[in-house]
Amino acid sequence: MESLLNQSNKFQTIKEIIKMNLNSISASDIATIPSISFDLAKRIWEYRILNEQIESFSQLQNIEGLTKRKLQGIQLYLKIE
């Protein structure tokens, strides 16, 4: 019984996610996002440079290798300012 109580008291601390501004970060910063490889991060960064800045996440749909699922996931870690 005691072991069950000890197990139920084990909680993990949830870390706060601080969103990075997509229009000012490097490809290396983008690559720190889960499921984003450095090659994909570099394509996202190059797209931003070529277009001067990103206005909305929907613009990123044109990037090869950035699936809808990955696009949804990166929005947890990025903001557009």
Protein backbone atom coordinates (compact mmCIF):
# COMPACT_ATOMS: atom_id res chain seq x y z
CA MET A 1 0.00 0.00 0.00
CA GLU A 2 2.79 2.41 0.86
CA SER A 3 4.43 1.86 -2.53
CA LEU A 4 1.20 2.87 -4.25
CA LEU A 5 1.10 6.08 -2.25
CA ASN A 6 4.70 6.87 -3.11
CA GLN A 7 4.03 6.32 -6.80
CA SER A 8 0.99 8.60 -6.81
CA ASN A 9 3.01 11.43 -5.26
CA LYS A 10 5.53 11.47 -8.10
CA PHE A 11 4.71 14.39 -10.34
CA GLN A 12 6.80 15.84 -13.09
CA THR A 13 7.29 19.57 -13.21
CA ILE A 14 5.99 21.02 -16.45
CA LYS A 15 8.37 23.52 -17.96
CA GLU A 16 6.98 26.74 -19.33
CA ILE A 17 7.50 27.07 -23.06
CA ILE A 18 8.88 30.45 -24.01
CA LYS A 19 7.94 31.11 -27.62
CA MET A 20 10.68 32.29 -29.96
CA ASN A 21 10.00 34.97 -32.57
CA LEU A 22 10.22 33.26 -35.96
CA ASN A 23 11.27 36.51 -37.62
CA SER A 24 14.41 36.93 -35.54
CA ILE A 25 15.77 33.47 -34.68
CA SER A 26 18.43 31.39 -36.42
CA ALA A 27 18.13 28.03 -38.13
CA SER A 28 19.93 26.52 -35.12
CA ASP A 29 17.22 27.92 -32.83
CA ILE A 30 14.48 26.47 -35.03
CA ALA A 31 16.24 23.09 -34.99
CA THR A 32 15.80 22.91 -31.19
CA ILE A 33 12.05 22.37 -31.71
CA PRO A 34 11.04 18.71 -31.33
CA SER A 35 10.64 16.86 -34.68
CA ILE A 36 12.38 19.63 -36.67
CA SER A 37 15.65 18.56 -38.26
CA PHE A 38 18.42 21.04 -38.95
CA ASP A 39 17.77 20.69 -42.72
CA LEU A 40 14.10 21.58 -42.27
CA ALA A 41 15.01 24.41 -39.88
CA LYS A 42 17.40 25.77 -42.51
CA ARG A 43 14.63 25.69 -45.17
CA ILE A 44 12.29 27.57 -42.81
CA TRP A 45 15.01 30.14 -42.06
CA GLU A 46 15.88 30.56 -45.77
CA TYR A 47 12.19 31.01 -46.63
CA ARG A 48 11.98 33.77 -44.03
CA ILE A 49 15.10 35.50 -45.36
CA LEU A 50 13.92 35.32 -48.98
CA ASN A 51 10.49 36.70 -48.05
CA GLU A 52 11.95 39.32 -45.67
CA GLN A 53 9.67 38.16 -42.88
CA ILE A 54 6.83 35.78 -42.07
CA GLU A 55 3.39 37.32 -41.61
CA SER A 56 1.49 34.12 -40.72
CA PHE A 57 2.14 30.44 -40.15
CA SER A 58 0.10 29.58 -43.25
CA GLN A 59 2.98 30.92 -45.39
CA LEU A 60 5.10 28.03 -44.17
CA GLN A 61 2.85 25.46 -45.90
CA ASN A 62 4.97 25.96 -49.04
CA ILE A 63 8.13 24.60 -47.41
CA GLU A 64 9.11 21.11 -48.50
CA GLY A 65 9.07 18.65 -45.61
CA LEU A 66 6.94 20.77 -43.29
CA THR A 67 3.84 18.64 -42.84
CA LYS A 68 0.58 19.92 -41.36
CA ARG A 69 1.39 18.04 -38.17
CA LYS A 70 4.85 19.61 -37.87
CA LEU A 71 3.39 23.03 -38.69
CA GLN A 72 0.89 22.63 -35.85
CA GLY A 73 3.65 21.46 -33.52
CA ILE A 74 6.02 24.35 -34.16
CA GLN A 75 3.29 26.83 -33.31
CA LEU A 76 3.67 25.72 -29.68
CA TYR A 77 7.27 27.00 -29.74
CA LEU A 78 7.15 29.95 -32.13
CA LYS A 79 5.40 33.28 -32.42
CA ILE A 80 5.29 35.78 -35.26
CA GLU A 81 6.04 39.39 -34.46
